[in-house]
Amino acid sequence: MKKTCQLITIICLLSGGIFSANAQMSTYYATHHNYRAVPVAEGLIQPWAMAWLPNGDMLITEKPGRLRIVRDGQLLANEVPGVPGVVYEGQGGLFDVLPHPDFADNQLLYLSFAKPTADDGSTTAIVRGRLNNDRLTDVEEIFAANSVGRGHYGGRMAFDEDGYLFLSIGDRQAPPEGDLESHPAQDTSNHHGAMVRLNDDGSIPSDNPFIGERGVEPAIWSYGHRSPQGLAFHPETGDLWETEHGPQGGDELNLIVAGNNYGWPVIGYGVNYGPGIPIHESSVEAGMEQPTHFWVPSIAASGLMIYTGDKFPQWYGDIFAGGLAGEQLAHLMLTDDYRSVEREETLLYGIGRIRDVRQGPEGYIYVAVEDANGEPTSVVRLEPVQ
């Protein structure tokens, strides 16, 4: 089902679309498919993630700590009660929402969030509860990272086809304690800059890559990450893909492999904010993984999706990544083996800070737009235009 990528017009590369006074209803022009952005839910405050239930309800998290429901095309006025308190400051707040693969039978729902810690800090945590009658009950914490800091929480979750739960955790903006190799993201005795793999109850799978190694956190699946904010499994290959923020430049798209080191901050393609002086020792180091794709300048890569719907058939199997600072949706067209990026184009350029991108159950593409200052924004749906 993979297609050969061909450009329709030069404007596909130079512009994500044509804007009018009502930009969301304009026609955008892109490779293979033209589309429009139709508002779905408006008046949201910093929407962070989206998910769907088997009955068609759409769930949206708002960073200040609210879980919302869109039912039959309408955003319900009341938030879902039972959500735990979150640290809503800086980059902290309520993050991802993820139904259990067997939600229809068990009604289990997972939320990731910035959890307060005893020392007035915060960490990345997961709770799960049962969503019944628009209320979250039987809420229990199943995981809390042993990494405390100011920001770079990560917080994206995904289930693989075997029912294991993955969570991204950022480096928490921790400084190195000496040389770059001593940075906490390079230290597997903690969860700084790690991808973790859990059973659905938060326990540790017995076949995780570092099980039995003394001094290593057994939940770790991969490490050496900076600020991972996109996470998705490719349905054709089962591969786990991740996007993460670099510093000033050097955002990455990574193919995640168990036990591998992704290099932060020893290697990378960004520089220090402001002065632009080098951070990394180099861009290549033995034993450290290279990104599949990187962005210079940074787009502040956020939510991640692999498209498998039928509304945009020529985009089947492609990767879509939100951009915050770039205010864009990056469309990454993969090679026939779904392992390398063949071409990139920019979609929805200028619509706002794109925090999340997901495929809806009917095959449309949904985008959550946020305002950094907390002004009301919306979720929009991309629909094809002939």
Protein backbone atom coordinates (compact mmCIF):
# COMPACT_ATOMS: atom_id res chain seq x y z
CA MET A 1 0.00 0.00 0.00
CA LYS A 2 3.03 2.23 -0.04
CA LYS A 3 3.04 4.86 -2.76
CA THR A 4 5.73 6.57 -4.76
CA CYS A 5 6.02 10.16 -3.52
CA GLN A 6 5.41 12.76 -6.24
CA LEU A 7 4.82 16.47 -5.83
CA ILE A 8 1.61 17.99 -7.18
CA THR A 9 2.91 21.55 -7.42
CA ILE A 10 5.86 23.59 -6.21
CA ILE A 11 3.59 25.18 -3.64
CA CYS A 12 3.42 21.84 -1.79
CA LEU A 13 7.01 22.37 -0.68
CA LEU A 14 6.89 26.10 -0.10
CA SER A 15 3.59 26.48 1.73
CA GLY A 16 1.42 24.41 4.00
CA GLY A 17 -1.71 26.09 2.68
CA ILE A 18 -3.55 29.26 1.71
CA PHE A 19 -4.90 31.36 4.57
CA SER A 20 -7.91 33.66 4.65
CA ALA A 21 -9.70 35.50 7.46
CA ASN A 22 -11.10 32.11 8.47
CA ALA A 23 -7.89 30.10 8.18
CA GLN A 24 -9.36 26.91 9.62
CA MET A 25 -11.80 26.57 6.71
CA SER A 26 -9.29 27.40 3.97
CA THR A 27 -8.12 24.80 1.52
CA TYR A 28 -4.59 23.57 2.08
CA TYR A 29 -2.51 22.05 -0.68
CA ALA A 30 -0.19 19.10 -0.07
CA THR A 31 1.41 16.14 -1.78
CA HIS A 32 -1.30 13.71 -2.98
CA HIS A 33 -4.14 15.19 -0.89
CA ASN A 34 -5.62 18.65 -0.49
CA TYR A 35 -7.54 19.19 2.74
CA ARG A 36 -9.31 21.63 5.02
CA ALA A 37 -9.21 22.03 8.81
CA VAL A 38 -12.67 21.85 10.38
CA PRO A 39 -13.17 22.86 14.05
CA VAL A 40 -14.30 19.96 16.25
CA ALA A 41 -14.06 21.29 19.82
CA GLU A 42 -13.47 24.93 20.71
CA GLY A 43 -12.81 26.84 23.92
CA LEU A 44 -10.22 24.36 25.21
CA ILE A 45 -7.39 25.47 27.48
CA GLN A 46 -4.04 24.02 26.41
CA PRO A 47 -5.29 20.69 25.01
CA TRP A 48 -2.47 18.16 25.39
CA ALA A 49 -3.71 14.79 24.13
CA MET A 50 -6.64 13.06 22.42
CA ALA A 51 -8.03 9.52 22.45
CA TRP A 52 -11.22 7.69 21.46
CA LEU A 53 -13.41 5.17 23.25
CA PRO A 54 -15.16 2.24 21.56
CA ASN A 55 -18.52 4.08 21.74
CA GLY A 56 -17.12 6.96 19.67
CA ASP A 57 -16.56 9.41 22.56
CA MET A 58 -13.47 11.55 22.12
CA LEU A 59 -11.35 12.28 25.21
CA ILE A 60 -9.19 15.40 25.47
CA THR A 61 -6.80 16.32 28.27
CA GLU A 62 -6.27 19.97 29.17
CA LYS A 63 -2.89 20.74 30.69
CA PRO A 64 -4.31 22.59 33.76
CA GLY A 65 -5.68 19.23 34.94
CA ARG A 66 -9.01 18.58 33.21
CA LEU A 67 -10.27 15.60 31.22
CA ARG A 68 -12.99 16.52 28.71
CA ILE A 69 -15.40 14.50 26.57
CA VAL A 70 -16.63 15.26 23.04
CA ARG A 71 -19.84 13.31 22.40
CA ASP A 72 -21.85 13.36 19.18
CA GLY A 73 -19.79 16.31 17.98
CA GLN A 74 -20.32 18.40 21.13
CA LEU A 75 -17.82 19.24 23.87
CA LEU A 76 -19.55 18.41 27.15
CA ALA A 77 -19.66 21.34 29.53
CA ASN A 78 -18.50 19.43 32.60
CA GLU A 79 -15.04 17.98 33.06
CA VAL A 80 -14.65 14.35 34.13
CA PRO A 81 -14.39 14.12 37.94
CA GLY A 82 -11.77 11.89 39.58
CA VAL A 83 -8.66 13.20 37.81
CA PRO A 84 -5.74 13.48 40.28
CA GLY A 85 -4.29 16.85 41.21
CA VAL A 86 -1.42 17.90 38.96
CA VAL A 87 1.48 20.33 39.20
CA TYR A 88 0.35 22.95 36.70
CA GLU A 89 3.29 25.26 36.25
CA GLY A 90 5.91 25.68 33.55
CA GLN A 91 5.86 22.51 31.48
CA GLY A 92 3.93 20.58 34.14
CA GLY A 93 0.29 19.58 34.08
CA LEU A 94 -2.00 16.80 32.87
CA PHE A 95 -0.46 15.03 29.91
CA ASP A 96 -1.61 11.95 28.01
CA VAL A 97 -4.84 9.93 28.09
CA LEU A 98 -4.86 6.31 26.94
CA PRO A 99 -7.65 3.70 27.06
CA HIS A 100 -6.67 0.13 27.88
CA PRO A 101 -6.65 -2.11 24.76
CA ASP A 102 -9.57 -4.01 26.36
CA PHE A 103 -11.41 -0.87 27.47
CA ALA A 104 -14.75 -2.20 26.19
CA ASP A 105 -14.52 -4.98 28.80
CA ASN A 106 -12.67 -3.34 31.71
CA GLN A 107 -13.27 0.45 31.30
CA LEU A 108 -9.65 1.11 32.36
CA LEU A 109 -8.22 4.51 31.44
CA TYR A 110 -4.64 5.73 31.94
CA LEU A 111 -3.52 9.31 32.60
CA SER A 112 0.03 10.64 32.79
CA PHE A 113 0.74 13.86 34.67
CA ALA A 114 3.18 15.99 36.65
CA LYS A 115 2.93 14.66 40.21
CA PRO A 116 4.03 16.75 43.22
CA THR A 117 6.82 15.27 45.34
CA ALA A 118 7.63 15.74 49.00
CA ASP A 119 10.52 18.12 48.33
CA ASP A 120 8.31 20.64 46.47
CA GLY A 121 9.45 19.15 43.20
CA SER A 122 7.53 17.06 40.72
CA THR A 123 7.88 13.91 38.70
CA THR A 124 6.17 12.06 35.84
CA ALA A 125 3.54 9.59 36.99
CA ILE A 126 0.72 7.39 35.70
CA VAL A 127 -2.64 6.62 37.27
CA ARG A 128 -5.32 4.30 35.99
CA GLY A 129 -8.99 4.23 36.86
CA ARG A 130 -12.34 3.07 35.54
CA LEU A 131 -14.35 5.45 33.41
CA ASN A 132 -18.02 4.84 34.11
CA ASN A 133 -20.91 7.23 33.59
CA ASP A 134 -18.48 10.03 32.72
CA ARG A 135 -16.68 9.66 36.08
CA LEU A 136 -13.21 8.28 36.83
CA THR A 137 -13.32 5.90 39.80
CA ASP A 138 -11.03 3.34 41.46
CA VAL A 139 -8.08 5.61 40.62
CA GLU A 140 -4.68 4.20 41.57
CA GLU A 141 -1.13 5.30 40.89
CA ILE A 142 0.74 2.56 39.02
CA PHE A 143 4.05 4.30 38.27
CA ALA A 144 6.05 7.32 39.38
CA ALA A 145 9.49 8.10 37.96
CA ASN A 146 12.44 8.59 40.30
CA SER A 147 13.45 11.71 38.39
CA VAL A 148 12.75 15.17 39.81
CA GLY A 149 13.37 18.47 38.03
CA ARG A 150 11.88 21.62 36.52
CA GLY A 151 10.61 20.52 33.13
CA HIS A 152 11.08 17.99 30.33
CA TYR A 153 8.55 15.57 31.82
CA GLY A 154 7.91 13.53 28.68
CA GLY A 155 4.56 12.01 29.54
CA ARG A 156 3.54 10.28 26.29
CA MET A 157 2.10 6.77 26.58
CA ALA A 158 1.46 3.95 24.12
CA PHE A 159 0.43 0.29 24.26
CA ASP A 160 2.14 -2.20 21.97
CA GLU A 161 0.35 -5.11 20.32
CA ASP A 162 1.25 -7.39 23.26
CA GLY A 163 -0.38 -5.09 25.81
CA TYR A 164 2.79 -3.59 27.32
CA LEU A 165 2.58 0.05 28.35
CA PHE A 166 5.34 2.47 27.30
CA LEU A 167 5.96 5.90 28.86
CA SER A 168 8.41 8.59 27.79
CA ILE A 169 10.29 10.52 30.50
CA GLY A 170 12.42 13.59 29.84
CA ASP A 171 15.79 14.50 31.33
CA ARG A 172 14.00 16.94 33.69
CA GLN A 173 16.44 19.68 32.59
CA ALA A 174 19.07 18.18 34.86
CA PRO A 175 22.59 19.63 34.45
CA PRO A 176 25.58 17.32 33.99
CA GLU A 177 27.51 16.44 37.14
CA GLY A 178 30.91 16.82 35.52
CA ASP A 179 31.52 15.68 31.95
CA LEU A 180 28.63 15.00 29.56
CA GLU A 181 28.85 11.24 30.06
CA SER A 182 27.92 11.78 33.72
CA HIS A 183 24.63 13.48 32.86
CA PRO A 184 21.61 11.83 34.56
CA ALA A 185 20.17 10.92 31.14
CA GLN A 186 23.23 8.72 30.66
CA ASP A 187 22.80 7.14 34.11
CA THR A 188 20.51 4.12 34.04
CA SER A 189 20.17 4.08 37.84
CA ASN A 190 17.39 6.68 37.44
CA HIS A 191 14.56 7.46 35.01
CA HIS A 192 15.98 10.74 33.67
CA GLY A 193 15.68 10.75 29.87
CA ALA A 194 14.32 7.21 29.69
CA MET A 195 11.66 5.25 27.88
CA VAL A 196 10.06 2.79 30.28
CA ARG A 197 8.11 -0.40 29.60
CA LEU A 198 5.52 -1.66 32.06
CA ASN A 199 2.85 -4.28 32.41
CA ASP A 200 -0.65 -2.83 32.29
CA ASP A 201 -0.76 -2.78 36.11
CA GLY A 202 2.53 -0.88 36.40
CA SER A 203 4.67 -3.88 37.33
CA ILE A 204 7.94 -4.56 35.50
CA PRO A 205 8.00 -7.11 32.64
CA SER A 206 10.48 -9.91 33.24
CA ASP A 207 12.04 -9.53 29.77
CA ASN A 208 12.92 -5.83 29.91
CA PRO A 209 16.46 -5.29 28.57
CA PHE A 210 18.15 -4.40 31.88
CA ILE A 211 16.44 -6.94 34.13
CA GLY A 212 18.99 -8.42 36.55
CA GLU A 213 21.64 -5.75 36.01
CA ARG A 214 22.76 -4.33 39.32
CA GLY A 215 22.13 -0.63 39.83
CA VAL A 216 19.93 -0.26 36.73
CA GLU A 217 16.26 0.72 36.90
CA PRO A 218 14.46 -2.38 35.57
CA ALA A 219 11.64 -0.43 33.92
CA ILE A 220 14.04 1.22 31.43
CA TRP A 221 13.58 0.24 27.77
CA SER A 222 15.91 2.88 26.25
CA TYR A 223 17.76 5.94 27.54
CA GLY A 224 19.72 9.03 26.53
CA HIS A 225 16.61 11.05 25.63
CA ARG A 226 16.14 14.78 26.22
CA SER A 227 12.46 15.78 26.03
CA PRO A 228 10.42 13.03 24.32
CA GLN A 229 6.93 14.30 23.49
CA GLY A 230 5.76 12.03 20.69
CA LEU A 231 5.32 8.25 20.85
CA ALA A 232 3.60 5.81 18.47
CA PHE A 233 3.82 2.23 17.26
CA HIS A 234 3.80 1.59 13.53
CA PRO A 235 0.91 -0.83 12.90
CA GLU A 236 2.59 -2.50 9.91
CA THR A 237 5.99 -3.18 11.47
CA GLY A 238 5.40 -2.93 15.22
CA ASP A 239 8.28 -0.44 15.42
CA LEU A 240 8.20 2.15 18.18
CA TRP A 241 8.79 5.71 16.97
CA GLU A 242 9.55 8.71 19.16
CA THR A 243 10.04 12.44 18.69
CA GLU A 244 11.95 14.62 21.13
CA HIS A 245 12.96 18.23 21.53
CA GLY A 246 16.56 19.14 20.97
CA PRO A 247 17.84 22.40 22.44
CA GLN A 248 18.28 25.21 19.89
CA GLY A 249 17.92 22.93 16.88
CA GLY A 250 18.38 19.18 16.82
CA ASP A 251 14.83 17.89 17.35
CA GLU A 252 14.82 14.17 16.60
CA LEU A 253 12.70 11.38 15.17
CA ASN A 254 13.99 8.10 16.61
CA LEU A 255 13.29 4.45 15.98
CA ILE A 256 13.38 3.02 19.51
CA VAL A 257 15.18 -0.29 20.09
CA ALA A 258 15.30 -2.05 23.45
CA GLY A 259 18.42 -1.30 25.48
CA ASN A 260 19.82 1.38 23.17
CA ASN A 261 21.37 4.71 24.16
CA TYR A 262 20.10 7.72 22.16
CA GLY A 263 22.96 9.96 23.09
CA TRP A 264 21.70 13.00 24.99
CA PRO A 265 23.65 15.13 25.82
CA VAL A 266 26.86 13.55 24.52
CA ILE A 267 25.83 13.69 20.86
CA GLY A 268 23.23 15.72 18.99
CA TYR A 269 22.59 18.40 16.37
CA GLY A 270 21.56 21.40 18.50
CA VAL A 271 23.37 24.18 20.35
CA ASN A 272 22.85 26.12 23.57
CA TYR A 273 19.92 28.51 23.68
CA GLY A 274 20.85 32.14 23.12
CA PRO A 275 24.57 32.20 22.38
CA GLY A 276 24.44 29.19 20.09
CA ILE A 277 27.62 27.67 21.50
CA PRO A 278 28.15 23.92 21.12
CA ILE A 279 26.71 21.50 23.69
CA HIS A 280 27.73 18.10 22.39
CA GLU A 281 31.12 16.49 22.10
CA SER A 282 30.20 15.52 18.54
CA SER A 283 27.24 14.34 16.50
CA VAL A 284 28.44 10.72 16.37
CA GLU A 285 29.68 8.38 19.08
CA ALA A 286 30.17 4.62 19.13
CA GLY A 287 27.40 2.88 21.05
CA MET A 288 24.95 5.77 20.67
CA GLU A 289 22.06 5.81 18.22
CA GLN A 290 21.62 8.29 15.40
CA PRO A 291 18.17 9.81 14.80
CA THR A 292 16.28 8.63 11.75
CA HIS A 293 15.51 12.28 11.02
CA PHE A 294 16.32 15.58 12.71
CA TRP A 295 15.20 19.19 12.45
CA VAL A 296 17.48 22.24 12.34
CA PRO A 297 16.06 24.72 13.15
CA SER A 298 13.87 23.14 15.78
CA ILE A 299 10.12 22.70 15.29
CA ALA A 300 9.63 21.77 18.99
CA ALA A 301 8.33 18.35 17.96
CA SER A 302 5.28 17.18 19.88
CA GLY A 303 2.52 14.57 19.34
CA LEU A 304 3.21 11.74 16.89
CA MET A 305 0.97 9.60 14.68
CA ILE A 306 1.33 6.95 11.97
CA TYR A 307 -1.58 7.18 9.54
CA THR A 308 -3.48 4.02 8.55
CA GLY A 309 -6.92 5.38 7.60
CA ASP A 310 -8.73 5.42 4.27
CA LYS A 311 -9.61 9.14 4.05
CA PHE A 312 -6.07 10.00 2.85
CA PRO A 313 -5.05 6.74 1.17
CA GLN A 314 -1.83 8.09 -0.36
CA TRP A 315 -0.58 8.96 3.13
CA TYR A 316 -0.96 5.41 4.43
CA GLY A 317 1.95 4.41 6.66
CA ASP A 318 3.37 7.95 6.86
CA ILE A 319 4.44 9.70 10.06
CA PHE A 320 2.91 12.97 11.25
CA ALA A 321 4.56 15.06 13.97
CA GLY A 322 3.22 18.18 15.64
CA GLY A 323 5.35 21.30 15.93
CA LEU A 324 5.02 23.82 18.78
CA ALA A 325 7.59 26.51 18.04
CA GLY A 326 7.28 25.75 14.35
CA GLU A 327 3.46 26.00 14.46
CA GLN A 328 3.22 23.27 11.86
CA LEU A 329 2.42 19.65 11.19
CA ALA A 330 5.39 17.76 9.78
CA HIS A 331 4.47 15.06 7.27
CA LEU A 332 7.25 12.48 6.93
CA MET A 333 6.91 10.16 3.97
CA LEU A 334 8.68 6.86 4.61
CA THR A 335 10.46 4.48 2.29
CA ASP A 336 8.76 1.24 1.28
CA ASP A 337 10.19 -0.64 4.28
CA TYR A 338 8.79 2.01 6.69
CA ARG A 339 12.24 2.47 8.23
CA SER A 340 13.66 5.65 6.64
CA VAL A 341 12.33 9.11 5.81
CA GLU A 342 12.16 9.67 2.07
CA ARG A 343 10.65 13.15 1.99
CA GLU A 344 9.20 15.77 4.34
CA GLU A 345 6.58 18.44 3.79
CA THR A 346 4.97 21.01 6.07
CA LEU A 347 1.22 20.95 6.66
CA LEU A 348 -0.99 23.45 8.51
CA TYR A 349 1.85 25.96 8.77
CA GLY A 350 0.85 28.92 10.93
CA ILE A 351 -2.33 27.46 12.47
CA GLY A 352 -0.81 27.61 15.95
CA ARG A 353 1.20 25.46 18.36
CA ILE A 354 0.33 21.88 17.46
CA ARG A 355 0.51 19.82 20.65
CA ASP A 356 -0.97 16.54 19.46
CA VAL A 357 -1.98 14.75 16.28
CA ARG A 358 -4.09 11.59 16.17
CA GLN A 359 -6.07 9.47 13.75
CA GLY A 360 -9.77 9.31 14.56
CA PRO A 361 -11.74 6.07 14.35
CA GLU A 362 -13.31 7.13 11.03
CA GLY A 363 -9.91 7.81 9.42
CA TYR A 364 -9.71 11.61 9.64
CA ILE A 365 -6.67 13.34 11.15
CA TYR A 366 -7.23 15.35 14.33
CA VAL A 367 -4.93 18.11 15.57
CA ALA A 368 -4.89 19.74 19.01
CA VAL A 369 -3.81 23.39 18.89
CA GLU A 370 -2.67 25.13 22.08
CA ASP A 371 -1.83 28.63 23.19
CA ALA A 372 1.23 28.93 25.42
CA ASN A 373 -0.45 31.67 27.49
CA GLY A 374 -3.59 29.65 28.17
CA GLU A 375 -5.95 31.43 25.78
CA PRO A 376 -8.81 29.23 24.48
CA THR A 377 -7.96 27.14 21.42
CA SER A 378 -9.44 24.18 19.57
CA VAL A 379 -9.15 20.71 18.17
CA VAL A 380 -9.55 20.59 14.39
CA ARG A 381 -10.14 17.72 11.97
CA LEU A 382 -8.39 17.44 8.62
CA GLU A 383 -10.80 16.42 5.86
CA PRO A 384 -9.85 15.75 2.22
CA VAL A 385 -10.82 18.23 -0.47
CA GLN A 386 -11.14 17.03 -4.05
